[in-house]
Amino acid sequence: MDYKWKALSVTSVGSLMAAIDSTIVLLALLPIAEDLNSDFVTMIWVIIAYLLVNTSFVLSLGRMGDMYGRKRMYNTGFVVFTIGSVFCGISPNADYLVAFRAVQGFGSALLIANSFAIISEAFEPRERGRAFGIIAVVWGAGSVLGIVLGGIIISITSWRFIFLINLPIGIFATIWARITLHRSHRYAAEETFDLAAAMFFTLTIVMLLLGVTWGLLNTWTDPLTLAFFGLCPVFFIIFVLWELRISKDPIIDFNVFRNRVFSFSVTTAALQSLSLFSVNFLLVFYLEGIVGLDILTASYLIVPAAVATAIVGPFGGIVSDKFGARRIATLGLIVQAGALLALATLTTKSSIFQVGVIEAFYGLGAGLFFPANTSAIMSSSPPKMYGVTSGIMNTLRNTGMVLSFGLTLVAISDVVPRNILFQLFIGTLEGGLPHGLATEYLAGQRFAFTLSAVLLGAAIVLSAIRGRSAHETKPSAASPAPRDP
């Protein structure tokens, strides 16, 4: 087997672990809350802590991969993620669980930042769409597997095993990655890591995400909420000025943003995440509150999207390699925008079959967009910046996810009492919402889906006018092949 396929198989394991974790945790919120006597705020932090740490550190860890070797950083990611999972599984209370979810997020950041870089290093630009299409298959399969495994584990044993199951997988993956991956070229081995810049950037993201979270949990006029939002641009300006005027070895070479394909593609990725991360939360709320399903059955109706993504992902990658990322990614966004508008029309009388069909189209769009757009981003970056490029892309995507999560809960909390929202979130609502409250809920959901469609419309425009990558217009040499240790 060629090295590129070995590298793809190893990075797929990391993606599979992250995908399973993304859905399996949602199903476990109820037993976690009951077992640890936790409240709504803490349950939100079980989700947010992971995303907060992942988003805050992925850029810096991508830079460190460029400097110190991507294989080393990727293997460390498996170790940290596995350790975090084990401690999540043995957490004595909810506060410890939130803390160890943050450890998991740090391990995930190590994996994500360096997996995209490893794939881009192993595959030529004209083959990367196919490679990222396979990653889309893994994400789709992992999302389904997370729901199935979550349902089985919660039904027959403790919620703790949804985390402990990562122990054997993590041990196997760590050994396999160490044996299989070649030592990556250290493109910036002679440079120093700019700790001050990393700190300023991390504080920028932390302030933004804490502002969203604090505003959501308290009020948007709370002094701490305003302080967080006020400090965010201050730290960002300091970061940019430091990078441009003071740093000897900046984390980001801002010249990369002069590449129109790169800058438009990463912005498109951010807008897509902002528009769509809330979809599955809203659908589960709808299926619980309006249709009257339990949370496990409601989660099964997310499966059509994951299956469609897994089926279409390889096709989307192959055709993007052949016809260019711009066309295929834009088509995927258009399909997803149509799905959002269709979801906005759901009523108390809509059938489960209708929801499943819309979800399938939603997943189809994702299968077209993800491999094409990711290939465009990574192929628009020089090899020495693959880790940083992956960090930029995932920082923007994850920030969009958190903001989308906040948008969802804000839209619903304006029309649904807080205690009902908590029941929807952890899955304890029985019998659905009363008729009057159901009508108000649908109005809030319709607003959220419509706003998401508008944001996705902006992404469609940017995607359509991004231009062509260099390898789409002229022959491109392969990326430097990794050397054996």
Protein backbone atom coordinates (compact mmCIF):
# COMPACT_ATOMS: atom_id res chain seq x y z
CA MET A 1 0.00 0.00 0.00
CA ASP A 2 1.30 3.46 -0.92
CA TYR A 3 2.26 5.70 1.96
CA LYS A 4 -0.48 8.21 1.12
CA TRP A 5 -3.19 5.62 1.73
CA LYS A 6 -1.53 4.51 4.95
CA ALA A 7 -1.46 8.13 6.11
CA LEU A 8 -5.11 8.54 5.18
CA SER A 9 -6.08 5.40 7.08
CA VAL A 10 -4.33 6.61 10.23
CA THR A 11 -5.85 10.09 10.10
CA SER A 12 -9.25 8.51 9.46
CA VAL A 13 -9.07 6.83 12.86
CA GLY A 14 -8.64 10.21 14.54
CA SER A 15 -11.56 11.61 12.56
CA LEU A 16 -13.66 8.58 13.48
CA MET A 17 -13.01 9.06 17.20
CA ALA A 18 -13.92 12.75 16.99
CA ALA A 19 -17.07 12.03 14.94
CA ILE A 20 -18.31 9.36 17.34
CA ASP A 21 -17.68 11.67 20.28
CA SER A 22 -19.66 14.50 18.65
CA THR A 23 -22.93 12.53 18.64
CA ILE A 24 -22.52 10.02 21.45
CA VAL A 25 -22.16 12.77 24.08
CA LEU A 26 -25.48 14.38 23.10
CA LEU A 27 -27.34 11.17 23.87
CA ALA A 28 -25.64 10.86 27.23
CA LEU A 29 -26.61 14.28 28.60
CA LEU A 30 -29.69 12.92 30.38
CA PRO A 31 -28.00 10.05 32.25
CA ILE A 32 -25.04 12.32 33.04
CA ALA A 33 -27.32 15.01 34.47
CA GLU A 34 -29.25 12.46 36.53
CA ASP A 35 -26.21 10.55 37.80
CA LEU A 36 -24.15 13.64 38.68
CA ASN A 37 -27.11 15.75 39.88
CA SER A 38 -26.17 18.42 37.37
CA ASP A 39 -28.03 21.47 36.06
CA PHE A 40 -28.69 23.08 32.68
CA VAL A 41 -25.69 25.41 32.87
CA THR A 42 -23.24 22.60 33.56
CA MET A 43 -24.67 20.43 30.80
CA ILE A 44 -24.11 23.25 28.34
CA TRP A 45 -20.52 23.48 29.56
CA VAL A 46 -20.06 19.76 28.85
CA ILE A 47 -20.53 20.72 25.19
CA ILE A 48 -18.91 24.16 25.23
CA ALA A 49 -15.73 23.23 27.15
CA TYR A 50 -14.69 20.82 24.41
CA LEU A 51 -15.32 23.33 21.62
CA LEU A 52 -13.78 26.22 23.56
CA VAL A 53 -10.41 24.53 24.12
CA ASN A 54 -10.37 22.93 20.68
CA THR A 55 -11.00 26.27 18.99
CA SER A 56 -8.60 28.25 21.16
CA PHE A 57 -5.55 26.04 20.61
CA VAL A 58 -5.90 24.52 17.14
CA LEU A 59 -3.98 27.34 15.40
CA SER A 60 -1.03 27.26 17.79
CA LEU A 61 -0.88 23.45 17.68
CA GLY A 62 -0.92 23.53 13.88
CA ARG A 63 2.03 25.91 13.95
CA MET A 64 3.86 23.62 16.36
CA GLY A 65 3.27 20.72 13.99
CA ASP A 66 4.91 22.70 11.17
CA MET A 67 7.85 23.40 13.47
CA TYR A 68 8.38 20.20 15.42
CA GLY A 69 6.94 17.55 13.14
CA ARG A 70 3.33 16.66 12.38
CA LYS A 71 3.71 12.98 13.21
CA ARG A 72 4.92 13.81 16.72
CA MET A 73 2.09 16.25 17.37
CA TYR A 74 -0.54 13.94 15.88
CA ASN A 75 0.56 10.99 18.03
CA THR A 76 0.49 13.25 21.09
CA GLY A 77 -3.08 14.11 20.15
CA PHE A 78 -4.12 10.46 20.39
CA VAL A 79 -2.50 10.16 23.81
CA VAL A 80 -4.10 13.34 25.20
CA PHE A 81 -7.54 12.57 23.75
CA THR A 82 -7.45 9.06 25.18
CA ILE A 83 -6.34 10.24 28.63
CA GLY A 84 -9.03 12.91 28.61
CA SER A 85 -11.64 10.31 27.66
CA VAL A 86 -10.65 7.98 30.49
CA PHE A 87 -10.83 10.75 33.08
CA CYS A 88 -14.20 11.85 31.67
CA GLY A 89 -15.41 8.31 32.24
CA ILE A 90 -14.33 8.23 35.88
CA SER A 91 -15.32 11.81 36.76
CA PRO A 92 -16.76 11.96 40.30
CA ASN A 93 -18.88 15.05 39.59
CA ALA A 94 -19.97 17.39 36.80
CA ASP A 95 -17.21 19.94 37.40
CA TYR A 96 -14.52 17.31 36.86
CA LEU A 97 -16.35 16.14 33.74
CA VAL A 98 -16.31 19.65 32.26
CA ALA A 99 -12.58 19.96 33.04
CA PHE A 100 -11.72 16.65 31.41
CA ARG A 101 -13.89 17.47 28.40
CA ALA A 102 -11.51 20.41 27.99
CA VAL A 103 -8.60 17.96 28.01
CA GLN A 104 -10.38 15.97 25.31
CA GLY A 105 -10.77 19.18 23.31
CA PHE A 106 -7.03 19.83 23.52
CA GLY A 107 -6.29 16.34 22.24
CA SER A 108 -8.80 16.81 19.44
CA ALA A 109 -7.11 20.09 18.46
CA LEU A 110 -3.79 18.24 18.15
CA LEU A 111 -5.42 15.62 15.93
CA ILE A 112 -7.45 17.95 13.72
CA ALA A 113 -4.73 20.54 13.06
CA ASN A 114 -2.19 17.94 12.06
CA SER A 115 -4.41 15.37 10.30
CA PHE A 116 -5.32 17.80 7.51
CA ALA A 117 -1.66 18.74 7.21
CA ILE A 118 -0.56 15.09 7.05
CA ILE A 119 -3.10 14.35 4.30
CA SER A 120 -2.07 17.44 2.32
CA GLU A 121 1.58 16.46 2.65
CA ALA A 122 0.93 12.91 1.45
CA PHE A 123 -1.40 13.65 -1.50
CA GLU A 124 -0.83 15.76 -4.59
CA PRO A 125 -3.19 18.76 -4.98
CA ARG A 126 -5.14 17.02 -7.74
CA GLU A 127 -5.90 14.07 -5.43
CA ARG A 128 -6.79 15.86 -2.22
CA GLY A 129 -10.48 16.16 -2.97
CA ARG A 130 -10.74 12.38 -3.10
CA ALA A 131 -8.77 12.08 0.16
CA PHE A 132 -10.98 14.57 1.98
CA GLY A 133 -14.01 12.85 0.46
CA ILE A 134 -12.97 9.69 2.28
CA ILE A 135 -12.69 11.71 5.49
CA ALA A 136 -16.29 12.80 4.85
CA VAL A 137 -17.24 9.11 4.72
CA VAL A 138 -15.51 8.58 8.07
CA TRP A 139 -17.31 11.53 9.65
CA GLY A 140 -20.67 10.32 8.35
CA ALA A 141 -20.06 6.77 9.52
CA GLY A 142 -18.74 7.98 12.87
CA SER A 143 -21.79 10.17 13.46
CA VAL A 144 -24.10 7.20 12.83
CA LEU A 145 -21.94 4.90 14.92
CA GLY A 146 -21.99 7.43 17.76
CA ILE A 147 -25.79 7.40 17.81
CA VAL A 148 -26.00 3.60 17.63
CA LEU A 149 -23.28 3.00 20.21
CA GLY A 150 -24.69 5.70 22.45
CA GLY A 151 -28.12 4.12 22.37
CA ILE A 152 -26.74 0.66 23.13
CA ILE A 153 -24.37 1.78 25.89
CA ILE A 154 -26.94 3.96 27.65
CA SER A 155 -29.57 1.20 27.40
CA ILE A 156 -27.48 -1.60 28.91
CA THR A 157 -24.81 0.03 31.02
CA SER A 158 -23.46 3.33 32.40
CA TRP A 159 -22.93 6.57 30.46
CA ARG A 160 -19.31 6.38 31.58
CA PHE A 161 -18.56 3.79 28.94
CA ILE A 162 -19.23 6.27 26.13
CA PHE A 163 -15.90 7.79 27.16
CA LEU A 164 -14.10 4.66 28.34
CA ILE A 165 -14.66 3.01 24.95
CA ASN A 166 -12.01 5.38 23.61
CA LEU A 167 -9.30 3.70 25.71
CA PRO A 168 -8.72 0.57 23.56
CA ILE A 169 -9.27 2.57 20.36
CA GLY A 170 -6.81 5.24 21.47
CA ILE A 171 -4.12 2.74 22.46
CA PHE A 172 -4.43 0.96 19.11
CA ALA A 173 -4.45 4.23 17.15
CA THR A 174 -1.38 5.58 18.97
CA ILE A 175 0.67 2.47 18.23
CA TRP A 176 -0.56 2.26 14.65
CA ALA A 177 0.19 5.92 13.95
CA ARG A 178 3.67 5.61 15.42
CA ILE A 179 4.44 2.61 13.22
CA THR A 180 2.74 3.81 10.04
CA LEU A 181 3.36 7.56 9.71
CA HIS A 182 6.61 8.80 8.27
CA ARG A 183 8.51 11.51 10.05
CA SER A 184 7.22 14.82 8.70
CA HIS A 185 9.56 17.42 7.32
CA ARG A 186 10.15 20.15 9.91
CA TYR A 187 9.63 23.19 7.70
CA ALA A 188 10.28 25.71 10.45
CA ALA A 189 12.70 23.77 12.65
CA GLU A 190 15.09 26.72 12.84
CA GLU A 191 12.37 29.13 13.94
CA THR A 192 11.11 29.83 17.45
CA PHE A 193 7.53 29.43 18.62
CA ASP A 194 6.03 32.83 19.38
CA LEU A 195 4.44 32.17 22.76
CA ALA A 196 3.23 35.76 23.18
CA ALA A 197 1.38 35.72 19.85
CA ALA A 198 -0.17 32.36 20.70
CA MET A 199 -1.34 33.77 24.04
CA PHE A 200 -2.91 36.86 22.46
CA PHE A 201 -4.70 34.76 19.83
CA THR A 202 -5.94 32.25 22.40
CA LEU A 203 -7.26 35.06 24.58
CA THR A 204 -9.07 36.52 21.56
CA ILE A 205 -10.96 33.30 20.94
CA VAL A 206 -11.57 32.62 24.63
CA MET A 207 -13.05 36.10 25.17
CA LEU A 208 -15.35 35.74 22.16
CA LEU A 209 -16.63 32.31 23.11
CA LEU A 210 -16.97 33.18 26.80
CA GLY A 211 -18.95 36.27 25.80
CA VAL A 212 -21.37 34.14 23.79
CA THR A 213 -21.66 31.51 26.52
CA TRP A 214 -22.02 33.99 29.39
CA GLY A 215 -24.60 36.02 27.48
CA LEU A 216 -26.53 32.87 26.72
CA LEU A 217 -26.53 31.63 30.30
CA ASN A 218 -27.15 35.01 31.92
CA THR A 219 -28.05 38.13 29.92
CA TRP A 220 -26.48 39.98 27.00
CA THR A 221 -26.22 43.13 29.15
CA ASP A 222 -24.46 41.37 32.03
CA PRO A 223 -21.22 43.23 32.91
CA LEU A 224 -19.11 40.11 32.41
CA THR A 225 -20.72 39.45 29.02
CA LEU A 226 -19.90 42.99 27.91
CA ALA A 227 -16.38 42.71 29.33
CA PHE A 228 -15.68 39.52 27.41
CA PHE A 229 -16.95 41.00 24.14
CA GLY A 230 -15.03 44.22 24.77
CA LEU A 231 -11.72 42.45 25.41
CA CYS A 232 -12.02 40.22 22.33
CA PRO A 233 -11.16 42.89 19.70
CA VAL A 234 -8.48 44.36 21.99
CA PHE A 235 -6.58 41.08 22.17
CA PHE A 236 -7.07 40.50 18.44
CA ILE A 237 -5.62 43.91 17.53
CA ILE A 238 -2.66 43.26 19.85
CA PHE A 239 -2.17 39.86 18.19
CA VAL A 240 -2.14 41.33 14.66
CA LEU A 241 0.19 44.20 15.58
CA TRP A 242 2.52 41.82 17.38
CA GLU A 243 2.64 39.46 14.41
CA LEU A 244 3.21 42.23 11.85
CA ARG A 245 5.60 44.51 13.73
CA ILE A 246 7.30 42.67 16.58
CA SER A 247 7.36 38.92 16.08
CA LYS A 248 10.56 37.46 14.70
CA ASP A 249 8.83 34.23 13.63
CA PRO A 250 5.08 34.98 13.36
CA ILE A 251 2.57 32.19 13.71
CA ILE A 252 0.61 33.40 10.66
CA ASP A 253 2.12 34.70 7.45
CA PHE A 254 -0.63 37.18 6.61
CA ASN A 255 0.44 37.16 2.97
CA VAL A 256 -1.54 33.94 2.60
CA PHE A 257 -4.74 36.00 2.86
CA ARG A 258 -3.77 37.81 -0.32
CA ASN A 259 -4.61 34.57 -2.08
CA ARG A 260 -8.26 35.09 -2.99
CA VAL A 261 -9.04 31.37 -3.15
CA PHE A 262 -7.67 30.84 0.37
CA SER A 263 -9.30 33.84 2.03
CA PHE A 264 -12.70 33.31 0.40
CA SER A 265 -12.62 29.56 1.08
CA VAL A 266 -11.87 29.85 4.82
CA THR A 267 -14.54 32.53 5.18
CA THR A 268 -16.98 30.26 3.38
CA ALA A 269 -16.12 27.44 5.79
CA ALA A 270 -16.79 29.74 8.76
CA LEU A 271 -20.14 30.89 7.39
CA GLN A 272 -21.17 27.34 6.60
CA SER A 273 -20.45 26.23 10.18
CA LEU A 274 -22.24 29.28 11.58
CA SER A 275 -25.28 28.47 9.46
CA LEU A 276 -25.51 24.74 9.93
CA PHE A 277 -24.08 23.53 13.25
CA SER A 278 -27.39 24.33 14.95
CA VAL A 279 -29.45 22.21 12.55
CA ASN A 280 -29.20 18.92 14.42
CA PHE A 281 -29.93 20.57 17.79
CA LEU A 282 -33.04 22.24 16.39
CA LEU A 283 -34.19 19.04 14.72
CA VAL A 284 -33.85 17.03 17.91
CA PHE A 285 -35.76 19.76 19.79
CA TYR A 286 -38.46 19.68 17.08
CA LEU A 287 -38.77 15.90 17.13
CA GLU A 288 -38.99 15.88 20.93
CA GLY A 289 -41.23 18.91 21.44
CA ILE A 290 -43.49 18.80 18.38
CA VAL A 291 -43.51 15.17 17.23
CA GLY A 292 -43.25 13.81 20.78
CA LEU A 293 -40.37 11.38 20.25
CA ASP A 294 -37.88 10.39 22.92
CA ILE A 295 -34.34 11.70 22.45
CA LEU A 296 -32.89 8.39 21.22
CA THR A 297 -35.54 7.95 18.52
CA ALA A 298 -35.17 11.62 17.59
CA SER A 299 -31.42 11.12 17.19
CA TYR A 300 -31.98 8.23 14.79
CA LEU A 301 -33.62 10.71 12.39
CA ILE A 302 -30.27 12.48 12.07
CA VAL A 303 -28.90 9.30 10.47
CA PRO A 304 -30.12 10.11 6.90
CA ALA A 305 -27.86 13.18 6.80
CA ALA A 306 -24.83 11.25 8.01
CA VAL A 307 -25.48 8.41 5.56
CA ALA A 308 -25.93 10.81 2.65
CA THR A 309 -22.67 12.57 3.56
CA ALA A 310 -20.84 9.24 3.69
CA ILE A 311 -22.23 8.15 0.30
CA VAL A 312 -21.74 11.45 -1.53
CA GLY A 313 -18.42 12.48 0.09
CA PRO A 314 -16.10 10.39 -2.13
CA PHE A 315 -18.04 11.44 -5.24
CA GLY A 316 -17.84 15.09 -4.19
CA GLY A 317 -14.09 14.77 -3.71
CA ILE A 318 -13.47 13.04 -7.03
CA VAL A 319 -15.51 15.49 -9.11
CA SER A 320 -13.94 18.46 -7.33
CA ASP A 321 -10.52 17.13 -8.32
CA LYS A 322 -11.74 16.90 -11.91
CA PHE A 323 -13.92 20.01 -12.32
CA GLY A 324 -12.58 22.30 -9.60
CA ALA A 325 -13.53 22.95 -5.99
CA ARG A 326 -15.42 26.18 -6.67
CA ARG A 327 -18.27 24.61 -8.64
CA ILE A 328 -18.74 21.55 -6.46
CA ALA A 329 -18.48 23.37 -3.13
CA THR A 330 -20.93 26.04 -4.30
CA LEU A 331 -23.38 23.38 -5.48
CA GLY A 332 -23.16 21.72 -2.08
CA LEU A 333 -23.96 24.99 -0.34
CA ILE A 334 -26.95 25.60 -2.62
CA VAL A 335 -28.34 22.15 -1.77
CA GLN A 336 -27.89 22.82 1.94
CA ALA A 337 -29.55 26.23 1.65
CA GLY A 338 -32.54 24.51 0.05
CA ALA A 339 -32.64 22.06 2.95
CA LEU A 340 -32.63 24.94 5.46
CA LEU A 341 -35.53 26.65 3.72
CA ALA A 342 -37.41 23.35 3.69
CA LEU A 343 -36.78 22.89 7.43
CA ALA A 344 -38.17 26.38 8.03
CA THR A 345 -41.54 25.17 6.66
CA LEU A 346 -41.96 22.36 9.20
CA THR A 347 -45.25 22.47 11.12
CA THR A 348 -46.99 20.41 13.78
CA LYS A 349 -48.40 18.24 10.98
CA SER A 350 -45.16 17.54 9.08
CA SER A 351 -44.34 13.85 8.76
CA ILE A 352 -41.22 12.10 10.02
CA PHE A 353 -40.63 10.93 6.45
CA GLN A 354 -40.50 14.57 5.31
CA VAL A 355 -37.90 15.34 7.98
CA GLY A 356 -35.81 12.36 6.90
CA VAL A 357 -35.85 13.40 3.24
CA ILE A 358 -34.80 16.95 4.07
CA GLU A 359 -32.01 15.61 6.28
CA ALA A 360 -30.79 13.43 3.42
CA PHE A 361 -30.50 16.46 1.13
CA TYR A 362 -28.74 18.33 3.94
CA GLY A 363 -26.16 15.53 4.12
CA LEU A 364 -25.85 15.40 0.34
CA GLY A 365 -24.86 19.06 0.31
CA ALA A 366 -22.31 18.45 3.05
CA GLY A 367 -20.79 15.58 1.06
CA LEU A 368 -20.28 17.90 -1.90
CA PHE A 369 -19.05 20.91 0.07
CA PHE A 370 -16.61 19.55 2.65
CA PRO A 371 -14.04 17.70 0.50
CA ALA A 372 -14.08 20.35 -2.23
CA ASN A 373 -13.73 23.35 0.07
CA THR A 374 -11.13 21.71 2.31
CA SER A 375 -9.06 20.73 -0.72
CA ALA A 376 -9.23 24.32 -2.01
CA ILE A 377 -8.03 25.70 1.33
CA MET A 378 -5.14 23.30 1.83
CA SER A 379 -4.01 23.49 -1.81
CA SER A 380 -3.89 27.29 -1.63
CA SER A 381 -1.28 27.16 1.11
CA PRO A 382 2.47 26.49 0.84
CA PRO A 383 3.54 23.11 2.33
CA LYS A 384 5.44 24.80 5.15
CA MET A 385 2.14 26.29 6.39
CA TYR A 386 -0.14 23.25 6.18
CA GLY A 387 -0.45 23.05 9.97
CA VAL A 388 -1.16 26.76 10.35
CA THR A 389 -3.59 26.65 7.42
CA SER A 390 -5.46 23.78 9.02
CA GLY A 391 -5.45 25.74 12.27
CA ILE A 392 -6.92 28.84 10.63
CA MET A 393 -9.63 26.81 8.90
CA ASN A 394 -10.63 24.88 12.01
CA THR A 395 -10.50 27.96 14.25
CA LEU A 396 -12.99 29.72 11.99
CA ARG A 397 -15.15 26.62 11.62
CA ASN A 398 -15.25 25.89 15.34
CA THR A 399 -15.97 29.52 16.18
CA GLY A 400 -18.88 29.34 13.76
CA MET A 401 -20.08 26.18 15.54
CA VAL A 402 -20.11 27.81 18.95
CA LEU A 403 -21.85 30.93 17.64
CA SER A 404 -24.38 28.72 15.84
CA PHE A 405 -25.00 26.80 19.06
CA GLY A 406 -25.60 30.10 20.82
CA LEU A 407 -27.93 31.28 18.05
CA THR A 408 -30.01 28.12 18.46
CA LEU A 409 -30.49 28.43 22.19
CA VAL A 410 -31.16 32.18 22.00
CA ALA A 411 -33.84 31.70 19.34
CA ILE A 412 -35.56 28.99 21.38
CA SER A 413 -35.10 30.55 24.82
CA ASP A 414 -37.01 33.64 23.65
CA VAL A 415 -40.16 31.57 23.14
CA VAL A 416 -39.73 28.55 25.43
CA PRO A 417 -39.40 28.78 29.25
CA ARG A 418 -35.96 27.91 30.59
CA ASN A 419 -37.11 24.76 32.40
CA ILE A 420 -38.71 23.43 29.20
CA LEU A 421 -35.57 24.24 27.21
CA PHE A 422 -33.53 22.25 29.74
CA GLN A 423 -35.85 19.27 29.29
CA LEU A 424 -35.51 19.50 25.51
CA PHE A 425 -31.73 19.80 25.76
CA ILE A 426 -31.17 16.71 27.91
CA GLY A 427 -34.16 14.73 26.61
CA THR A 428 -36.56 14.53 29.57
CA LEU A 429 -39.59 16.21 27.99
CA GLU A 430 -42.54 13.80 27.81
CA GLY A 431 -45.59 14.15 25.59
CA GLY A 432 -44.33 17.09 23.56
CA LEU A 433 -45.02 20.80 24.01
CA PRO A 434 -48.53 22.13 24.72
CA HIS A 435 -50.27 23.46 21.60
CA GLY A 436 -49.75 27.16 22.31
CA LEU A 437 -46.11 26.70 23.26
CA ALA A 438 -45.57 24.47 20.23
CA THR A 439 -46.75 27.27 17.94
CA GLU A 440 -44.37 29.73 19.57
CA TYR A 441 -41.53 27.23 19.37
CA LEU A 442 -42.09 26.73 15.65
CA ALA A 443 -41.93 30.50 15.15
CA GLY A 444 -38.56 30.62 16.90
CA GLN A 445 -37.29 27.62 14.96
CA ARG A 446 -38.47 29.15 11.67
CA PHE A 447 -36.58 32.35 12.46
CA ALA A 448 -33.39 30.42 13.28
CA PHE A 449 -33.54 28.34 10.08
CA THR A 450 -34.34 31.39 7.94
CA LEU A 451 -31.47 33.39 9.43
CA SER A 452 -29.16 30.42 8.84
CA ALA A 453 -30.28 30.28 5.20
CA VAL A 454 -29.46 33.98 4.79
CA LEU A 455 -25.98 33.45 6.24
CA LEU A 456 -25.50 30.47 3.95
CA GLY A 457 -26.52 32.69 1.04
CA ALA A 458 -23.50 34.89 1.82
CA ALA A 459 -21.33 31.76 1.83
CA ILE A 460 -22.70 30.77 -1.58
CA VAL A 461 -21.73 34.15 -3.04
CA LEU A 462 -18.20 33.97 -1.63
CA SER A 463 -17.78 30.40 -2.82
CA ALA A 464 -18.95 31.24 -6.33
CA ILE A 465 -16.55 34.16 -6.79
CA ARG A 466 -13.49 32.70 -5.04
CA GLY A 467 -11.72 31.87 -8.33
CA ARG A 468 -9.69 28.80 -9.19
CA SER A 469 -6.85 27.20 -7.28
CA ALA A 470 -3.44 27.19 -8.93
CA HIS A 471 -3.53 23.45 -9.63
CA GLU A 472 -6.85 23.87 -11.49
CA THR A 473 -5.30 26.18 -14.06
CA LYS A 474 -1.87 24.68 -14.60
CA PRO A 475 0.02 21.48 -13.85
CA SER A 476 1.21 21.28 -10.30
CA ALA A 477 4.13 19.40 -8.87
CA ALA A 478 3.45 17.01 -6.09
CA SER A 479 3.94 18.10 -2.55
CA PRO A 480 7.30 17.06 -1.12
CA ALA A 481 7.13 13.40 -0.21
CA PRO A 482 7.61 12.64 3.46
CA ARG A 483 10.91 11.05 4.31
CA ASP A 484 11.34 7.84 6.22
CA PRO A 485 12.68 8.21 9.73
